[in-house]
């Protein structure tokens, strides 16, 4: 850097550059002075004065370097914004542009995690080490750690766009821990006998809803958003384009992913459940399934679980599992019957069948004893070809 590494160097016949650190950023500024020995010494003294002002908190970038492009970035109003202030403002701005469920997830992370831990920090002073040290103390799993970092990383990206910070300290970095292999997963489908017992404990709209869920694999949020206009009776399909979460406050929203918007084939039991449901809600030509107590659209998973599902499970004598297991039950039934995993993936709204194989692999039929015989017969019929190939490799 010149002058024995003192952060001062000549850059032209008429200017000297000084280098210093301010709010975690390496800054380089030019002084209009001929780089003589005397002026280089003056530049060193000027740099020392700047670093002293920084250390005691009196440095004002715009006053010291009024013509600098960095001056606006380090303006006092920007420098005084705390992580709390920025995240609060950022969260409110996000409300209009993301799904209600996503917003609710962000809100909980900001209010319950990020602000209590990092809120008093100056936004421009936030460092990766600070975040890493905090995350290291949290007694949560890697999934929660990932969600926290994803939220904060997104917010800091927007802070960069606003030029409040020069770079995102979380960019290209993720904190995680080495975890023990997970125990049993959450997939716990209902047997055919259990399904019959649950359905026998239900009547009317509640029975139709559960039977339809078991034979379509729809998510609860998709079931409650379903309308009669989504049913294609001629093709025997139902179009899934919307989902309704409790975070949305009773408002149906477009499904999060392209794969989630799909046509689901109506198998016979699902079609029977829809036909039985007609007498309850078809003439209204709006939602397919209603809460039998209120005759209004279900508001989400919690009302279904509390008012219909838990009593039915208790009455049926079936070991309790949450309503979402109807989706796992559908997947396990389809795969056990030998349906193609890609078809099952499309029915359930997945982009490919890797997740299907990973989560439901145990229900896929094992390869039969004849597996591999076709290849063996095809290639063993040409032993001379193998011999020629082998000789060619050796030569």
Protein backbone atom coordinates (compact mmCIF):
# COMPACT_ATOMS: atom_id res chain seq x y z
CA UNK A 1 0.00 0.00 0.00
CA UNK A 2 3.03 2.29 0.05
CA UNK A 3 4.90 4.00 2.88
CA UNK A 4 5.85 0.67 4.42
CA UNK A 5 2.30 -0.68 4.59
CA UNK A 6 0.93 2.38 6.39
CA UNK A 7 -2.14 2.63 4.14
CA UNK A 8 -0.85 5.61 2.19
CA UNK A 9 0.41 5.56 -1.40
CA UNK A 10 0.93 7.78 -4.42
CA UNK A 11 -1.56 7.06 -7.20
CA UNK A 12 -0.76 9.89 -9.63
CA UNK A 13 1.42 12.95 -9.96
CA UNK A 14 -1.19 15.00 -8.14
CA UNK A 15 -2.95 12.68 -5.69
CA UNK A 16 -2.38 10.39 -2.73
CA UNK A 17 -4.62 7.49 -1.73
CA UNK A 18 -5.29 6.56 1.87
CA UNK A 19 -6.86 3.27 3.00
CA UNK A 20 -8.78 2.70 6.23
CA UNK A 21 -11.52 0.49 7.68
CA UNK A 22 -14.91 2.00 8.51
CA UNK A 23 -17.91 0.00 9.73
CA UNK A 24 -16.35 -3.21 8.49
CA UNK A 25 -15.68 -1.85 5.02
CA UNK A 26 -12.24 -1.21 3.52
CA UNK A 27 -12.36 2.37 2.21
CA UNK A 28 -9.96 4.05 -0.21
CA UNK A 29 -10.06 7.80 -0.74
CA UNK A 30 -7.84 10.22 -2.65
CA UNK A 31 -6.38 13.47 -1.42
CA UNK A 32 -5.36 16.11 -3.95
CA UNK A 33 -1.72 16.49 -2.99
CA UNK A 34 1.49 16.04 -4.93
CA UNK A 35 3.04 12.84 -3.51
CA UNK A 36 6.20 14.36 -2.08
CA UNK A 37 7.80 12.93 1.02
CA UNK A 38 6.35 15.76 3.10
CA UNK A 39 2.83 15.33 1.69
CA UNK A 40 2.93 11.57 2.16
CA UNK A 41 3.73 12.21 5.81
CA UNK A 42 0.79 14.62 6.02
CA UNK A 43 -1.44 11.98 4.45
CA UNK A 44 -0.35 9.51 7.15
CA UNK A 45 -1.26 12.02 9.83
CA UNK A 46 -4.63 12.65 8.15
CA UNK A 47 -5.30 8.90 8.07
CA UNK A 48 -4.38 8.60 11.75
CA UNK A 49 -6.82 11.41 12.61
CA UNK A 50 -9.57 9.65 10.67
CA UNK A 51 -8.96 6.36 12.49
CA UNK A 52 -8.99 8.16 15.83
CA UNK A 53 -12.32 9.83 14.99
CA UNK A 54 -13.71 6.42 13.98
CA UNK A 55 -12.55 4.88 17.26
CA UNK A 56 -14.30 7.50 19.40
CA UNK A 57 -17.41 7.62 17.20
CA UNK A 58 -17.09 11.18 15.87
CA UNK A 59 -16.14 10.43 12.25
CA UNK A 60 -18.52 11.84 9.63
CA UNK A 61 -17.75 10.48 6.20
CA UNK A 62 -19.67 13.14 4.27
CA UNK A 63 -17.82 15.96 6.05
CA UNK A 64 -14.35 14.44 5.65
CA UNK A 65 -14.90 13.33 2.03
CA UNK A 66 -17.85 15.40 0.71
CA UNK A 67 -17.26 14.40 -2.92
CA UNK A 68 -16.98 10.68 -2.24
CA UNK A 69 -19.44 8.18 -3.71
CA UNK A 70 -19.36 6.39 -0.36
CA UNK A 71 -20.59 9.43 1.56
CA UNK A 72 -24.28 8.72 0.90
CA UNK A 73 -23.86 5.08 1.93
CA UNK A 74 -22.38 6.11 5.25
CA UNK A 75 -24.83 8.96 5.86
CA UNK A 76 -25.75 9.32 9.54
CA UNK A 77 -29.43 8.40 9.03
CA UNK A 78 -28.46 5.12 7.39
CA UNK A 79 -25.73 4.39 9.91
CA UNK A 80 -28.11 4.86 12.83
CA UNK A 81 -30.66 2.29 11.62
CA UNK A 82 -30.71 -0.76 13.83
CA UNK A 83 -31.37 -4.31 12.73
CA UNK A 84 -34.68 -4.06 14.58
CA UNK A 85 -35.73 -0.93 12.70
CA UNK A 86 -34.74 -2.30 9.32
CA UNK A 87 -36.34 -5.72 9.81
CA UNK A 88 -39.59 -4.14 10.99
CA UNK A 89 -39.69 -1.93 7.91
CA UNK A 90 -38.62 -4.77 5.63
CA UNK A 91 -41.28 -7.12 6.98
CA UNK A 92 -44.08 -4.63 6.39
CA UNK A 93 -42.89 -4.04 2.82
CA UNK A 94 -42.86 -7.81 2.18
CA UNK A 95 -46.49 -8.22 3.23
CA UNK A 96 -47.79 -7.13 -0.17
CA UNK A 97 -45.52 -9.36 -2.24
CA UNK A 98 -45.49 -12.80 -0.63
CA UNK A 99 -48.06 -15.42 0.31
CA UNK A 100 -49.71 -15.00 3.70
CA UNK A 101 -48.24 -18.26 4.98
CA UNK A 102 -44.74 -17.15 3.96
CA UNK A 103 -45.26 -13.75 5.58
CA UNK A 104 -46.45 -15.38 8.79
CA UNK A 105 -43.34 -17.56 8.84
CA UNK A 106 -41.11 -14.51 8.34
CA UNK A 107 -43.00 -12.56 11.00
CA UNK A 108 -42.45 -15.24 13.63
CA UNK A 109 -38.75 -15.50 12.79
CA UNK A 110 -38.27 -11.72 12.89
CA UNK A 111 -40.25 -11.07 16.08
CA UNK A 112 -39.35 -14.18 18.06
CA UNK A 113 -35.81 -14.90 16.90
CA UNK A 114 -33.98 -12.17 15.00
CA UNK A 115 -35.07 -8.99 16.79
CA UNK A 116 -34.54 -10.30 20.37
CA UNK A 117 -31.05 -11.54 19.47
CA UNK A 118 -29.77 -8.98 16.95
CA UNK A 119 -32.21 -6.08 17.07
CA UNK A 120 -29.98 -3.65 18.97
CA UNK A 121 -27.09 -4.08 16.51
CA UNK A 122 -26.46 -1.32 14.01
CA UNK A 123 -27.38 -2.69 10.60
CA UNK A 124 -24.08 -1.61 9.05
CA UNK A 125 -22.14 -3.26 11.87
CA UNK A 126 -23.76 -6.70 11.57
CA UNK A 127 -21.07 -9.31 10.90
CA UNK A 128 -21.16 -12.94 9.95
CA UNK A 129 -19.31 -13.85 13.13
CA UNK A 130 -22.04 -12.22 15.23
CA UNK A 131 -24.70 -14.26 13.47
CA UNK A 132 -22.64 -17.46 13.66
CA UNK A 133 -21.95 -17.07 17.40
CA UNK A 134 -25.65 -16.54 18.07
CA UNK A 135 -26.78 -19.48 15.94
CA UNK A 136 -24.21 -21.70 17.61
CA UNK A 137 -25.94 -21.17 20.96
CA UNK A 138 -29.47 -21.94 19.76
CA UNK A 139 -30.83 -25.32 20.78
CA UNK A 140 -32.70 -25.99 17.55
CA UNK A 141 -32.31 -28.35 14.62
CA UNK A 142 -30.75 -27.60 11.25
CA UNK A 143 -34.14 -27.01 9.64
CA UNK A 144 -34.90 -24.15 12.03
CA UNK A 145 -31.37 -22.80 11.61
CA UNK A 146 -31.85 -22.85 7.85
CA UNK A 147 -35.19 -21.03 8.09
CA UNK A 148 -33.67 -18.32 10.31
CA UNK A 149 -30.76 -17.76 7.94
CA UNK A 150 -32.98 -17.79 4.86
CA UNK A 151 -35.14 -15.03 6.30
CA UNK A 152 -32.20 -12.90 7.44
CA UNK A 153 -30.30 -13.46 4.18
CA UNK A 154 -33.30 -12.28 2.17
CA UNK A 155 -33.65 -9.16 4.32
CA UNK A 156 -29.94 -8.33 4.03
CA UNK A 157 -30.09 -8.77 0.26
CA UNK A 158 -32.75 -6.06 0.20
CA UNK A 159 -30.58 -3.91 2.46
CA UNK A 160 -27.83 -4.19 -0.17
CA UNK A 161 -30.32 -3.14 -2.85
CA UNK A 162 -31.14 -0.07 -0.80
CA UNK A 163 -27.38 0.56 -0.44
CA UNK A 164 -27.68 0.50 3.34
CA UNK A 165 -24.87 -2.04 3.51
CA UNK A 166 -22.12 -2.75 1.01
CA UNK A 167 -22.40 -6.53 1.06
CA UNK A 168 -24.52 -9.26 2.60
CA UNK A 169 -22.53 -10.94 5.39
CA UNK A 170 -24.57 -14.14 4.91
CA UNK A 171 -24.05 -14.35 1.14
CA UNK A 172 -22.56 -17.68 0.08
CA UNK A 173 -22.50 -18.99 3.65
CA UNK A 174 -24.74 -21.25 5.72
CA UNK A 175 -24.33 -22.35 9.30
CA UNK A 176 -25.37 -25.90 10.18
CA UNK A 177 -24.49 -28.59 12.69
CA UNK A 178 -23.67 -32.22 12.33
CA UNK A 179 -26.79 -34.00 13.47
CA UNK A 180 -27.52 -37.58 14.33
CA UNK A 181 -29.49 -39.46 11.68
CA UNK A 182 -33.18 -38.73 12.08
CA UNK A 183 -35.29 -41.24 13.89
CA UNK A 184 -38.53 -42.49 12.44
CA UNK A 185 -40.04 -40.04 9.96
CA UNK A 186 -43.53 -38.64 10.20
CA UNK A 187 -44.97 -40.94 7.55
CA UNK A 188 -47.46 -43.16 9.38
CA UNK A 189 -50.27 -44.10 6.97
CA UNK A 190 -53.60 -45.65 7.90
CA UNK A 191 -54.18 -49.30 7.09
CA UNK A 192 -57.31 -50.26 5.10
CA UNK A 193 -58.94 -51.44 8.33
CA UNK A 194 -58.13 -48.15 10.07
CA UNK A 195 -59.53 -46.18 7.14
CA UNK A 196 -62.79 -48.08 7.30
CA UNK A 197 -63.04 -47.55 11.06
CA UNK A 198 -62.47 -43.78 10.72
CA UNK A 199 -65.04 -43.44 7.92
CA UNK A 200 -67.55 -45.48 9.92
CA UNK A 201 -67.20 -42.97 12.77
CA UNK A 202 -68.14 -40.10 10.46
CA UNK A 203 -71.28 -39.08 8.61
CA UNK A 204 -72.33 -36.57 5.98
CA UNK A 205 -69.92 -33.85 4.94
CA UNK A 206 -67.22 -34.97 7.37
CA UNK A 207 -67.16 -38.49 5.94
CA UNK A 208 -67.09 -37.16 2.37
CA UNK A 209 -64.14 -34.89 3.18
CA UNK A 210 -62.05 -37.65 4.74
CA UNK A 211 -62.81 -40.18 2.00
CA UNK A 212 -61.92 -37.60 -0.65
CA UNK A 213 -58.68 -36.75 1.18
CA UNK A 214 -57.67 -40.41 1.45
CA UNK A 215 -58.13 -40.99 -2.28
CA UNK A 216 -56.66 -37.77 -3.71
CA UNK A 217 -53.73 -37.02 -1.39
CA UNK A 218 -54.59 -33.31 -1.34
CA UNK A 219 -53.05 -31.10 1.32
CA UNK A 220 -55.47 -29.73 3.90
CA UNK A 221 -54.94 -26.21 2.54
CA UNK A 222 -55.94 -27.46 -0.93
CA UNK A 223 -59.00 -29.33 0.34
CA UNK A 224 -60.50 -26.29 2.07
CA UNK A 225 -59.86 -24.06 -0.97
CA UNK A 226 -61.55 -26.47 -3.40
CA UNK A 227 -64.59 -25.17 -5.28
CA UNK A 228 -67.12 -26.95 -7.49
CA UNK A 229 -65.85 -25.05 -10.51
CA UNK A 230 -62.54 -26.89 -10.11
CA UNK A 231 -64.17 -30.28 -10.84
CA UNK A 232 -64.04 -31.57 -14.42
CA UNK A 233 -66.74 -34.26 -14.46
CA UNK A 234 -66.11 -35.29 -18.07
CA UNK A 235 -62.40 -35.94 -17.60
CA UNK A 236 -62.79 -37.21 -14.08
CA UNK A 237 -60.28 -34.71 -12.72
CA UNK A 238 -60.09 -31.89 -10.23
CA UNK A 239 -57.93 -28.82 -10.92
CA UNK A 240 -55.79 -27.67 -8.01
CA UNK A 241 -54.82 -24.02 -8.37
CA UNK A 242 -55.39 -22.54 -4.92
CA UNK A 243 -54.57 -23.18 -1.29
CA UNK A 244 -55.94 -21.61 1.87
CA UNK A 245 -53.90 -21.39 5.05
CA UNK A 246 -54.98 -19.98 8.37
CA UNK A 247 -52.33 -17.30 7.95
CA UNK A 248 -54.27 -16.06 4.91
CA UNK A 249 -57.28 -15.32 7.11
CA UNK A 250 -59.77 -17.23 5.00
CA UNK A 251 -58.48 -16.03 1.65
CA UNK A 252 -57.52 -18.56 -1.02
CA UNK A 253 -54.13 -17.94 -2.63
CA UNK A 254 -52.41 -19.35 -5.69
CA UNK A 255 -50.35 -22.43 -4.85
CA UNK A 256 -46.70 -21.66 -4.10
CA UNK A 257 -45.17 -23.79 -6.85
CA UNK A 258 -45.93 -24.51 -10.50
CA UNK A 259 -46.03 -28.22 -9.72
CA UNK A 260 -48.66 -27.51 -7.08
CA UNK A 261 -51.02 -26.28 -9.82
CA UNK A 262 -52.12 -29.60 -11.28
CA UNK A 263 -54.94 -31.86 -12.44
CA UNK A 264 -55.61 -34.71 -10.01
CA UNK A 265 -57.27 -37.83 -11.36
CA UNK A 266 -60.41 -38.74 -9.44
CA UNK A 267 -60.24 -42.41 -8.53
CA UNK A 268 -63.57 -44.15 -7.89
CA UNK A 269 -63.74 -43.63 -4.08
CA UNK A 270 -62.88 -39.93 -4.51
CA UNK A 271 -65.52 -39.54 -7.21
CA UNK A 272 -68.08 -41.25 -4.98
CA UNK A 273 -67.27 -38.86 -2.14
CA UNK A 274 -67.80 -35.86 -4.45
CA UNK A 275 -71.13 -37.20 -5.70
CA UNK A 276 -72.27 -37.71 -2.11
CA UNK A 277 -71.13 -34.17 -1.26
CA UNK A 278 -73.30 -32.68 -4.00
CA UNK A 279 -76.44 -32.70 -1.86
CA UNK A 280 -74.74 -30.49 0.73
CA UNK A 281 -72.98 -27.70 -1.18
CA UNK A 282 -73.36 -28.15 -4.95
CA UNK A 283 -76.23 -25.70 -5.46
CA UNK A 284 -74.28 -22.89 -3.78
CA UNK A 285 -71.62 -23.35 -6.50
CA UNK A 286 -68.75 -22.27 -4.25
CA UNK A 287 -66.69 -24.31 -1.78
CA UNK A 288 -66.97 -28.08 -1.99
CA UNK A 289 -66.45 -28.85 1.71
CA UNK A 290 -67.98 -27.02 4.64
CA UNK A 291 -67.80 -27.21 8.40
CA UNK A 292 -71.05 -29.10 9.21
CA UNK A 293 -71.47 -27.05 12.40
CA UNK A 294 -71.33 -23.64 10.76
CA UNK A 295 -72.19 -24.50 7.14
CA UNK A 296 -69.30 -22.29 6.10
CA UNK A 297 -65.99 -23.08 4.42
CA UNK A 298 -63.44 -24.71 6.70
CA UNK A 299 -60.94 -22.09 7.93
CA UNK A 300 -57.96 -24.45 7.94
CA UNK A 301 -56.33 -27.45 9.58
CA UNK A 302 -56.96 -26.51 13.22
CA UNK A 303 -60.80 -26.32 13.04
CA UNK A 304 -60.88 -29.62 11.14
CA UNK A 305 -58.67 -31.29 13.70
CA UNK A 306 -60.50 -29.95 16.77
CA UNK A 307 -64.13 -30.17 15.73
CA UNK A 308 -64.18 -33.20 13.44
CA UNK A 309 -60.97 -35.23 13.31
CA UNK A 310 -60.13 -35.77 16.99
CA UNK A 311 -63.66 -36.90 17.96
CA UNK A 312 -63.76 -39.27 14.98
CA UNK A 313 -60.39 -40.80 15.86
CA UNK A 314 -61.49 -41.31 19.44
CA UNK A 315 -64.78 -42.88 18.41
CA UNK A 316 -63.11 -45.17 15.87
CA UNK A 317 -60.54 -46.50 18.34
CA UNK A 318 -57.75 -45.89 15.81
CA UNK A 319 -54.39 -44.77 17.17
CA UNK A 320 -54.25 -40.98 16.80
CA UNK A 321 -52.40 -39.41 13.88
CA UNK A 322 -52.86 -35.93 12.48
CA UNK A 323 -55.15 -35.31 9.47
CA UNK A 324 -52.12 -34.81 7.17
CA UNK A 325 -51.56 -38.58 7.35
CA UNK A 326 -54.39 -38.95 4.82
CA UNK A 327 -51.92 -37.58 2.25
CA UNK A 328 -49.24 -40.07 3.29
CA UNK A 329 -51.87 -42.82 3.18
CA UNK A 330 -52.73 -41.97 -0.42
CA UNK A 331 -49.07 -42.08 -1.48
CA UNK A 332 -48.41 -45.39 0.25
CA UNK A 333 -51.54 -46.96 -1.27
CA UNK A 334 -50.66 -45.88 -4.79
CA UNK A 335 -47.04 -47.04 -4.57
CA UNK A 336 -47.92 -50.34 -2.88
CA UNK A 337 -50.29 -51.04 -5.75
CA UNK A 338 -47.44 -50.57 -8.21
CA UNK A 339 -48.42 -47.18 -9.65
CA UNK A 340 -45.52 -45.36 -11.30
CA UNK A 341 -43.70 -43.04 -8.84
CA UNK A 342 -43.68 -40.18 -11.39
CA UNK A 343 -47.47 -40.40 -11.74
CA UNK A 344 -47.83 -40.37 -7.96
CA UNK A 345 -45.49 -37.36 -7.75
CA UNK A 346 -47.57 -35.41 -10.28
CA UNK A 347 -50.81 -36.33 -8.51
CA UNK A 348 -49.38 -34.99 -5.25
CA UNK A 349 -47.89 -31.81 -6.73
CA UNK A 350 -44.16 -32.60 -6.73
CA UNK A 351 -41.82 -31.59 -9.53
CA UNK A 352 -40.12 -34.99 -9.65
CA UNK A 353 -40.23 -38.30 -7.87
CA UNK A 354 -36.98 -38.07 -5.89
CA UNK A 355 -38.89 -36.97 -2.80
CA UNK A 356 -41.44 -39.72 -3.38
CA UNK A 357 -38.65 -42.30 -3.49
CA UNK A 358 -36.93 -40.87 -0.42
CA UNK A 359 -40.02 -40.57 1.78
CA UNK A 360 -42.16 -43.44 0.53
CA UNK A 361 -39.51 -45.82 -0.79
CA UNK A 362 -40.46 -48.58 1.64
CA UNK A 363 -43.87 -48.89 -0.04
CA UNK A 364 -42.46 -49.33 -3.52
CA UNK A 365 -42.63 -52.96 -4.62
CA UNK A 366 -39.22 -54.62 -4.49
CA UNK A 367 -37.70 -55.85 -7.76
CA UNK A 368 -38.89 -59.35 -8.63
CA UNK A 369 -36.58 -62.34 -8.86
CA UNK A 370 -36.44 -62.05 -12.66
CA UNK A 371 -34.99 -58.53 -12.52
CA UNK A 372 -31.88 -58.25 -14.72
CA UNK A 373 -32.69 -61.33 -16.81
CA UNK A 374 -33.60 -59.27 -19.88
CA UNK A 375 -30.21 -57.58 -19.96
CA UNK A 376 -28.48 -60.86 -19.28
CA UNK A 377 -30.24 -62.57 -22.18
CA UNK A 378 -29.61 -59.67 -24.56
CA UNK A 379 -25.89 -59.33 -23.95
CA UNK A 380 -24.96 -62.94 -23.24
CA UNK A 381 -26.18 -63.76 -26.74
CA UNK A 382 -23.09 -61.98 -28.15
CA UNK A 383 -20.08 -63.44 -26.29
CA UNK A 384 -17.80 -62.78 -29.25
CA UNK A 385 -18.53 -59.07 -28.94
CA UNK A 386 -17.33 -59.13 -25.33
CA UNK A 387 -14.14 -60.95 -26.33
CA UNK A 388 -13.35 -58.46 -29.06
CA UNK A 389 -14.00 -55.54 -26.71
CA UNK A 390 -11.74 -57.08 -24.06
CA UNK A 391 -8.89 -57.67 -26.54
CA UNK A 392 -9.25 -54.12 -27.83
CA UNK A 393 -8.91 -52.67 -24.29
CA UNK A 394 -5.79 -54.74 -23.58
CA UNK A 395 -4.09 -53.68 -26.80
